[in-house]
């Protein structure tokens, strides 16, 4: 079993930056695909970014490409989401998720194995 705990959310002005962290329990973190999702008020949850177990391959939603960066530290069992040039439309609860699949496509088809409880990011205009 893997438990995920997000942190780093908060209130920031448009154009600002935040770094989210997701700490994982368990010894298998280094084998897991890690994914960030978000859910804005009144909207469905959407994919934000993902990285493979090694962190070498990454994927991004078009809406955040060039502004957000996903990274991980397997020694610290932590995945990060650096968010720059934030916009009001980035306001959402951000969730960390993990999956035992090797690729994002496989994880999305089967559904993520583990979820965190989320952290709120509010971007003011």
Protein backbone atom coordinates (compact mmCIF):
# COMPACT_ATOMS: atom_id res chain seq x y z
CA UNK A 1 0.00 0.00 0.00
CA UNK A 2 1.21 3.49 -0.85
CA UNK A 3 0.01 6.65 0.85
CA UNK A 4 0.41 10.02 -0.80
CA UNK A 5 0.35 13.42 0.89
CA UNK A 6 0.38 16.67 -1.05
CA UNK A 7 1.62 19.99 0.30
CA UNK A 8 2.61 23.41 -0.94
CA UNK A 9 -0.73 24.78 -2.05
CA UNK A 10 -1.86 28.27 -1.18
CA UNK A 11 -2.86 31.67 -2.48
CA UNK A 12 -0.69 33.36 -5.08
CA UNK A 13 -1.12 36.29 -7.43
CA UNK A 14 -1.30 35.78 -11.16
CA UNK A 15 2.17 35.53 -12.62
CA UNK A 16 3.56 34.04 -9.45
CA UNK A 17 4.97 30.61 -8.68
CA UNK A 18 4.31 27.73 -6.35
CA UNK A 19 5.94 24.36 -5.87
CA UNK A 20 3.77 21.45 -4.86
CA UNK A 21 5.20 18.39 -3.19
CA UNK A 22 3.81 14.91 -2.87
CA UNK A 23 5.42 12.66 -0.30
CA UNK A 24 4.90 8.93 -0.63
CA UNK A 25 5.10 6.20 1.94
CA UNK A 26 6.34 2.70 1.19
CA UNK A 27 9.37 1.21 -0.47
CA UNK A 28 8.02 1.03 -3.98
CA UNK A 29 8.03 4.73 -4.84
CA UNK A 30 10.93 4.35 -7.24
CA UNK A 31 8.90 1.94 -9.37
CA UNK A 32 5.78 4.06 -9.66
CA UNK A 33 4.50 6.30 -12.40
CA UNK A 34 3.60 9.61 -10.74
CA UNK A 35 0.87 11.92 -11.97
CA UNK A 36 -0.57 15.29 -11.02
CA UNK A 37 -4.25 16.00 -11.65
CA UNK A 38 -6.37 18.99 -10.77
CA UNK A 39 -10.01 19.75 -10.30
CA UNK A 40 -11.36 23.27 -10.53
CA UNK A 41 -14.66 24.24 -8.90
CA UNK A 42 -17.56 22.93 -10.94
CA UNK A 43 -15.30 21.11 -13.39
CA UNK A 44 -14.16 17.58 -13.94
CA UNK A 45 -10.77 16.43 -12.79
CA UNK A 46 -8.11 16.84 -15.45
CA UNK A 47 -4.62 15.59 -16.11
CA UNK A 48 -1.79 18.05 -15.48
CA UNK A 49 1.56 16.27 -15.65
CA UNK A 50 3.19 12.88 -15.22
CA UNK A 51 6.58 11.25 -15.11
CA UNK A 52 7.89 7.73 -15.34
CA UNK A 53 9.49 5.91 -12.43
CA UNK A 54 12.93 7.16 -13.45
CA UNK A 55 11.66 10.68 -14.09
CA UNK A 56 13.25 10.67 -17.53
CA UNK A 57 9.99 10.70 -19.51
CA UNK A 58 7.42 13.37 -18.73
CA UNK A 59 4.03 14.36 -20.09
CA UNK A 60 2.14 17.63 -19.76
CA UNK A 61 -1.29 18.94 -20.52
CA UNK A 62 -1.21 21.56 -23.25
CA UNK A 63 -2.61 24.12 -20.83
CA UNK A 64 0.46 23.93 -18.57
CA UNK A 65 3.22 23.08 -21.03
CA UNK A 66 6.10 25.50 -20.70
CA UNK A 67 4.90 26.76 -17.32
CA UNK A 68 4.80 23.67 -15.10
CA UNK A 69 7.58 21.16 -14.48
CA UNK A 70 7.21 17.75 -12.87
CA UNK A 71 10.21 16.18 -11.16
CA UNK A 72 10.90 13.53 -8.58
CA UNK A 73 13.45 12.58 -5.98
CA UNK A 74 13.32 8.82 -5.51
CA UNK A 75 15.71 8.97 -2.57
CA UNK A 76 13.23 11.24 -0.78
CA UNK A 77 10.08 9.45 -2.04
CA UNK A 78 8.78 12.77 -3.31
CA UNK A 79 7.42 14.14 -6.55
CA UNK A 80 7.21 17.86 -7.24
CA UNK A 81 5.22 20.15 -9.45
CA UNK A 82 6.88 23.51 -10.06
CA UNK A 83 4.26 25.93 -11.28
CA UNK A 84 5.37 29.22 -12.83
CA UNK A 85 3.50 32.03 -14.54
CA UNK A 86 0.34 31.02 -12.75
CA UNK A 87 -3.00 32.12 -14.12
CA UNK A 88 -6.39 32.42 -12.41
CA UNK A 89 -7.55 29.45 -14.47
CA UNK A 90 -4.95 27.31 -12.69
CA UNK A 91 -7.04 27.62 -9.53
CA UNK A 92 -7.97 24.10 -8.46
CA UNK A 93 -7.40 21.34 -5.98
CA UNK A 94 -4.27 19.55 -7.11
CA UNK A 95 -4.02 15.80 -6.57
CA UNK A 96 -1.04 13.53 -6.67
CA UNK A 97 -1.56 9.99 -7.93
CA UNK A 98 0.59 6.95 -8.47
CA UNK A 99 0.32 3.88 -10.63
CA UNK A 100 2.23 0.66 -11.14
CA UNK A 101 1.94 0.93 -14.91
CA UNK A 102 4.99 1.84 -16.93
CA UNK A 103 3.28 4.37 -19.14
CA UNK A 104 0.73 7.13 -18.76
CA UNK A 105 -1.56 5.60 -21.35
CA UNK A 106 -1.73 2.30 -19.51
CA UNK A 107 -2.37 4.06 -16.20
CA UNK A 108 -5.17 6.15 -17.66
CA UNK A 109 -6.83 3.07 -19.17
CA UNK A 110 -6.75 1.13 -15.92
CA UNK A 111 -7.22 4.00 -13.49
CA UNK A 112 -4.66 5.22 -11.01
CA UNK A 113 -3.76 2.87 -8.18
CA UNK A 114 -3.21 5.43 -5.42
CA UNK A 115 -4.43 8.96 -4.72
CA UNK A 116 -3.60 11.75 -2.34
CA UNK A 117 -6.20 13.97 -0.71
CA UNK A 118 -5.25 17.08 -2.61
CA UNK A 119 -3.96 20.57 -1.94
CA UNK A 120 -5.73 23.78 -2.91
CA UNK A 121 -4.09 26.28 -5.21
CA UNK A 122 -5.78 29.66 -5.60
CA UNK A 123 -4.49 32.17 -8.13
CA UNK A 124 -5.84 35.67 -7.77
CA UNK A 125 -6.06 38.10 -10.69
